Amino acid sequence: MRFMIMVRATAQSEAETSPDSGADEKLMADMVAYHEALAKAGVLLDASGLTPSSKGWRVRYSGGKRTVVSGPFGAVGELIAGYTLIQVRSREEAMEWARRFPAPFGETADGEIEVRQLYELEDFAPNAAVERLRELEAARR
């Protein structure tokens, strides 16, 4: 089972111009130690911080048309500042790892993470498209 741990953005993370601006050395050390523990346990698939939404864009779909909208985007608490992708045996194991996630902006700062399970190909009814995805996945390995 794969789960994505998403760090919700804050006004500070959206304003930062580089990963080091405002970076707390203890927080970085805590994050590294946490991700090392995930890797040692064999459950870490990927992890990274995201640049502020001002450097991104969205593609909106409406009426059969696509429109590209450049950032920044509002509602800071709805944006994602980073993620960690893990593969574990159960929802409970994912929850235990999530509970150990360091406070994303330091112990005294407000912050929030959200954890969501990813769909697996086995979750979908067998069909030609799912089989093509299986082939793509096998070729990628």
C-alpha atoms as a PDB file:
ATOM      1  CA  MET A   1       0.000   0.000   0.000  1.00  0.00           C
ATOM      2  CA  ARG A   2       1.348   3.387  -0.961  1.00  0.00           C
ATOM      3  CA  PHE A   3       0.614   6.558   0.972  1.00  0.00           C
ATOM      4  CA  MET A   4       1.535  10.159   0.301  1.00  0.00           C
ATOM      5  CA  ILE A   5       2.315  12.377   3.263  1.00  0.00           C
ATOM      6  CA  MET A   6       1.691  15.942   2.093  1.00  0.00           C
ATOM      7  CA  VAL A   7       2.971  18.997   3.931  1.00  0.00           C
ATOM      8  CA  ARG A   8       0.466  21.832   3.731  1.00  0.00           C
ATOM      9  CA  ALA A   9       1.975  25.158   2.670  1.00  0.00           C
ATOM     10  CA  THR A  10       2.115  28.216   4.906  1.00  0.00           C
ATOM     11  CA  ALA A  11       2.510  31.897   4.089  1.00  0.00           C
ATOM     12  CA  GLN A  12       6.221  31.492   4.907  1.00  0.00           C
ATOM     13  CA  SER A  13       6.769  28.487   2.624  1.00  0.00           C
ATOM     14  CA  GLU A  14       4.920  30.287  -0.187  1.00  0.00           C
ATOM     15  CA  ALA A  15       7.085  33.414   0.279  1.00  0.00           C
ATOM     16  CA  GLU A  16      10.475  31.708   0.406  1.00  0.00           C
ATOM     17  CA  THR A  17      12.682  32.165  -2.621  1.00  0.00           C
ATOM     18  CA  SER A  18      15.106  29.328  -1.908  1.00  0.00           C
ATOM     19  CA  PRO A  19      15.107  26.149   0.155  1.00  0.00           C
ATOM     20  CA  ASP A  20      17.653  27.690   2.513  1.00  0.00           C
ATOM     21  CA  SER A  21      15.860  30.972   3.231  1.00  0.00           C
ATOM     22  CA  GLY A  22      14.604  30.630   6.758  1.00  0.00           C
ATOM     23  CA  ALA A  23      15.709  26.993   6.956  1.00  0.00           C
ATOM     24  CA  ASP A  24      16.179  25.880  10.532  1.00  0.00           C
ATOM     25  CA  GLU A  25      19.225  23.616  10.923  1.00  0.00           C
ATOM     26  CA  LYS A  26      17.526  21.475  13.605  1.00  0.00           C
ATOM     27  CA  LEU A  27      14.412  21.086  11.467  1.00  0.00           C
ATOM     28  CA  MET A  28      16.522  19.999   8.483  1.00  0.00           C
ATOM     29  CA  ALA A  29      18.382  17.509  10.680  1.00  0.00           C
ATOM     30  CA  ASP A  30      15.065  16.148  12.023  1.00  0.00           C
ATOM     31  CA  MET A  31      13.695  15.765   8.474  1.00  0.00           C
ATOM     32  CA  VAL A  32      16.854  13.992   7.312  1.00  0.00           C
ATOM     33  CA  ALA A  33      16.770  11.639  10.306  1.00  0.00           C
ATOM     34  CA  TYR A  34      13.086  10.842   9.680  1.00  0.00           C
ATOM     35  CA  HIS A  35      13.680  10.107   5.991  1.00  0.00           C
ATOM     36  CA  GLU A  36      16.763   8.034   6.841  1.00  0.00           C
ATOM     37  CA  ALA A  37      14.582   5.959   9.184  1.00  0.00           C
ATOM     38  CA  LEU A  38      12.020   5.480   6.392  1.00  0.00           C
ATOM     39  CA  ALA A  39      14.793   4.416   3.993  1.00  0.00           C
ATOM     40  CA  LYS A  40      16.342   2.046   6.540  1.00  0.00           C
ATOM     41  CA  ALA A  41      12.908   0.451   7.079  1.00  0.00           C
ATOM     42  CA  GLY A  42      12.612   0.008   3.308  1.00  0.00           C
ATOM     43  CA  VAL A  43       9.393   2.023   3.002  1.00  0.00           C
ATOM     44  CA  LEU A  44      10.611   5.302   1.444  1.00  0.00           C
ATOM     45  CA  LEU A  45       9.749   5.674  -2.250  1.00  0.00           C
ATOM     46  CA  ASP A  46      10.309   9.409  -2.773  1.00  0.00           C
ATOM     47  CA  ALA A  47      10.330  12.735  -0.931  1.00  0.00           C
ATOM     48  CA  SER A  48      10.812  16.346  -1.881  1.00  0.00           C
ATOM     49  CA  GLY A  49       9.903  19.922  -1.126  1.00  0.00           C
ATOM     50  CA  LEU A  50       8.039  21.971  -3.710  1.00  0.00           C
ATOM     51  CA  THR A  51       8.821  25.482  -4.878  1.00  0.00           C
ATOM     52  CA  PRO A  52       6.246  28.185  -4.044  1.00  0.00           C
ATOM     53  CA  SER A  53       3.101  28.238  -6.171  1.00  0.00           C
ATOM     54  CA  SER A  54       4.304  31.527  -7.711  1.00  0.00           C
ATOM     55  CA  LYS A  55       6.699  29.388  -9.751  1.00  0.00           C
ATOM     56  CA  GLY A  56       3.997  26.948 -10.854  1.00  0.00           C
ATOM     57  CA  TRP A  57       0.904  26.820 -13.002  1.00  0.00           C
ATOM     58  CA  ARG A  58      -2.391  25.013 -13.246  1.00  0.00           C
ATOM     59  CA  VAL A  59      -4.232  23.702 -16.250  1.00  0.00           C
ATOM     60  CA  ARG A  60      -7.982  24.264 -16.022  1.00  0.00           C
ATOM     61  CA  TYR A  61     -10.408  22.147 -18.028  1.00  0.00           C
ATOM     62  CA  SER A  62     -13.787  23.617 -18.894  1.00  0.00           C
ATOM     63  CA  GLY A  63     -16.130  23.207 -21.818  1.00  0.00           C
ATOM     64  CA  GLY A  64     -13.649  21.004 -23.658  1.00  0.00           C
ATOM     65  CA  LYS A  65     -10.901  23.653 -23.467  1.00  0.00           C
ATOM     66  CA  ARG A  66      -7.668  23.876 -21.516  1.00  0.00           C
ATOM     67  CA  THR A  67      -6.440  27.098 -19.974  1.00  0.00           C
ATOM     68  CA  VAL A  68      -3.040  27.557 -18.332  1.00  0.00           C
ATOM     69  CA  VAL A  69      -3.152  29.737 -15.216  1.00  0.00           C
ATOM     70  CA  SER A  70       0.120  30.901 -13.674  1.00  0.00           C
ATOM     71  CA  GLY A  71       0.669  31.039  -9.913  1.00  0.00           C
ATOM     72  CA  PRO A  72       0.698  32.202  -7.236  1.00  0.00           C
ATOM     73  CA  PHE A  73      -2.488  30.628  -5.999  1.00  0.00           C
ATOM     74  CA  GLY A  74      -4.593  31.707  -3.046  1.00  0.00           C
ATOM     75  CA  ALA A  75      -5.766  29.722  -0.025  1.00  0.00           C
ATOM     76  CA  VAL A  76      -2.261  28.963   1.237  1.00  0.00           C
ATOM     77  CA  GLY A  77      -3.530  26.208   3.552  1.00  0.00           C
ATOM     78  CA  GLU A  78      -4.827  24.308   0.519  1.00  0.00           C
ATOM     79  CA  LEU A  79      -1.442  24.246  -1.221  1.00  0.00           C
ATOM     80  CA  ILE A  80       1.230  21.573  -0.823  1.00  0.00           C
ATOM     81  CA  ALA A  81       4.781  22.541   0.206  1.00  0.00           C
ATOM     82  CA  GLY A  82       6.294  19.058   0.013  1.00  0.00           C
ATOM     83  CA  TYR A  83       5.603  15.357   0.147  1.00  0.00           C
ATOM     84  CA  THR A  84       6.906  11.977   1.229  1.00  0.00           C
ATOM     85  CA  LEU A  85       5.794   8.835  -0.583  1.00  0.00           C
ATOM     86  CA  ILE A  86       5.924   5.569   1.354  1.00  0.00           C
ATOM     87  CA  GLN A  87       4.990   1.952   0.714  1.00  0.00           C
ATOM     88  CA  VAL A  88       3.862   0.013   3.763  1.00  0.00           C
ATOM     89  CA  ARG A  89       1.862  -3.100   4.646  1.00  0.00           C
ATOM     90  CA  SER A  90      -1.147  -1.383   6.241  1.00  0.00           C
ATOM     91  CA  ARG A  91      -2.996   1.839   6.932  1.00  0.00           C
ATOM     92  CA  GLU A  92      -1.971   1.502  10.578  1.00  0.00           C
ATOM     93  CA  GLU A  93       1.719   1.338   9.650  1.00  0.00           C
ATOM     94  CA  ALA A  94       1.299   4.456   7.492  1.00  0.00           C
ATOM     95  CA  MET A  95      -0.374   6.212  10.405  1.00  0.00           C
ATOM     96  CA  GLU A  96       2.515   5.302  12.724  1.00  0.00           C
ATOM     97  CA  TRP A  97       5.029   6.756  10.271  1.00  0.00           C
ATOM     98  CA  ALA A  98       2.891   9.887   9.862  1.00  0.00           C
ATOM     99  CA  ARG A  99       2.782  10.395  13.630  1.00  0.00           C
ATOM    100  CA  ARG A 100       6.598  10.432  13.623  1.00  0.00           C
ATOM    101  CA  PHE A 101       6.800  13.084  10.872  1.00  0.00           C
ATOM    102  CA  PRO A 102       8.675  16.122  12.249  1.00  0.00           C
ATOM    103  CA  ALA A 103       6.652  19.324  12.676  1.00  0.00           C
ATOM    104  CA  PRO A 104       7.136  20.643   9.124  1.00  0.00           C
ATOM    105  CA  PHE A 105       7.929  24.245  10.033  1.00  0.00           C
ATOM    106  CA  GLY A 106       9.468  23.701  13.457  1.00  0.00           C
ATOM    107  CA  GLU A 107       8.036  22.569  16.781  1.00  0.00           C
ATOM    108  CA  THR A 108       6.602  25.974  17.732  1.00  0.00           C
ATOM    109  CA  ALA A 109       5.208  26.935  14.302  1.00  0.00           C
ATOM    110  CA  ASP A 110       1.760  26.035  13.041  1.00  0.00           C
ATOM    111  CA  GLY A 111       1.777  23.346  10.396  1.00  0.00           C
ATOM    112  CA  GLU A 112      -0.208  20.448   9.047  1.00  0.00           C
ATOM    113  CA  ILE A 113       0.360  17.283   7.077  1.00  0.00           C
ATOM    114  CA  GLU A 114      -2.249  15.266   5.216  1.00  0.00           C
ATOM    115  CA  VAL A 115      -1.915  11.563   4.444  1.00  0.00           C
ATOM    116  CA  ARG A 116      -3.715   9.911   1.537  1.00  0.00           C
ATOM    117  CA  GLN A 117      -3.543   6.410   0.132  1.00  0.00           C
ATOM    118  CA  LEU A 118      -2.729   6.048  -3.549  1.00  0.00           C
ATOM    119  CA  TYR A 119      -4.870   3.912  -5.816  1.00  0.00           C
ATOM    120  CA  GLU A 120      -3.230   0.728  -7.054  1.00  0.00           C
ATOM    121  CA  LEU A 121      -3.959  -0.919 -10.398  1.00  0.00           C
ATOM    122  CA  GLU A 122      -5.584  -3.775  -8.472  1.00  0.00           C
ATOM    123  CA  ASP A 123      -8.249  -1.307  -7.289  1.00  0.00           C
ATOM    124  CA  PHE A 124      -9.638  -1.041 -10.827  1.00  0.00           C
ATOM    125  CA  ALA A 125     -11.711  -3.564 -12.736  1.00  0.00           C
ATOM    126  CA  PRO A 126      -9.622  -5.382 -15.359  1.00  0.00           C
ATOM    127  CA  ASN A 127      -9.787  -3.768 -18.790  1.00  0.00           C
ATOM    128  CA  ALA A 128      -7.521  -2.938 -21.730  1.00  0.00           C
ATOM    129  CA  ALA A 129      -6.431   0.439 -20.317  1.00  0.00           C
ATOM    130  CA  VAL A 130      -5.439  -1.092 -16.975  1.00  0.00           C
ATOM    131  CA  GLU A 131      -3.428  -3.763 -18.799  1.00  0.00           C
ATOM    132  CA  ARG A 132      -1.618  -1.052 -20.791  1.00  0.00           C
ATOM    133  CA  LEU A 133      -0.764   0.690 -17.516  1.00  0.00           C
ATOM    134  CA  ARG A 134       0.595  -2.590 -16.106  1.00  0.00           C
ATOM    135  CA  GLU A 135       2.813  -2.937 -19.186  1.00  0.00           C
ATOM    136  CA  LEU A 136       4.064   0.648 -18.793  1.00  0.00           C
ATOM    137  CA  GLU A 137       4.799   0.027 -15.119  1.00  0.00           C
ATOM    138  CA  ALA A 138       6.689  -3.205 -15.914  1.00  0.00           C
ATOM    139  CA  ALA A 139       8.717  -1.455 -18.642  1.00  0.00           C
ATOM    140  CA  ARG A 140       9.635   1.341 -16.238  1.00  0.00           C
ATOM    141  CA  ARG A 141      11.241  -1.125 -13.820  1.00  0.00           C
END
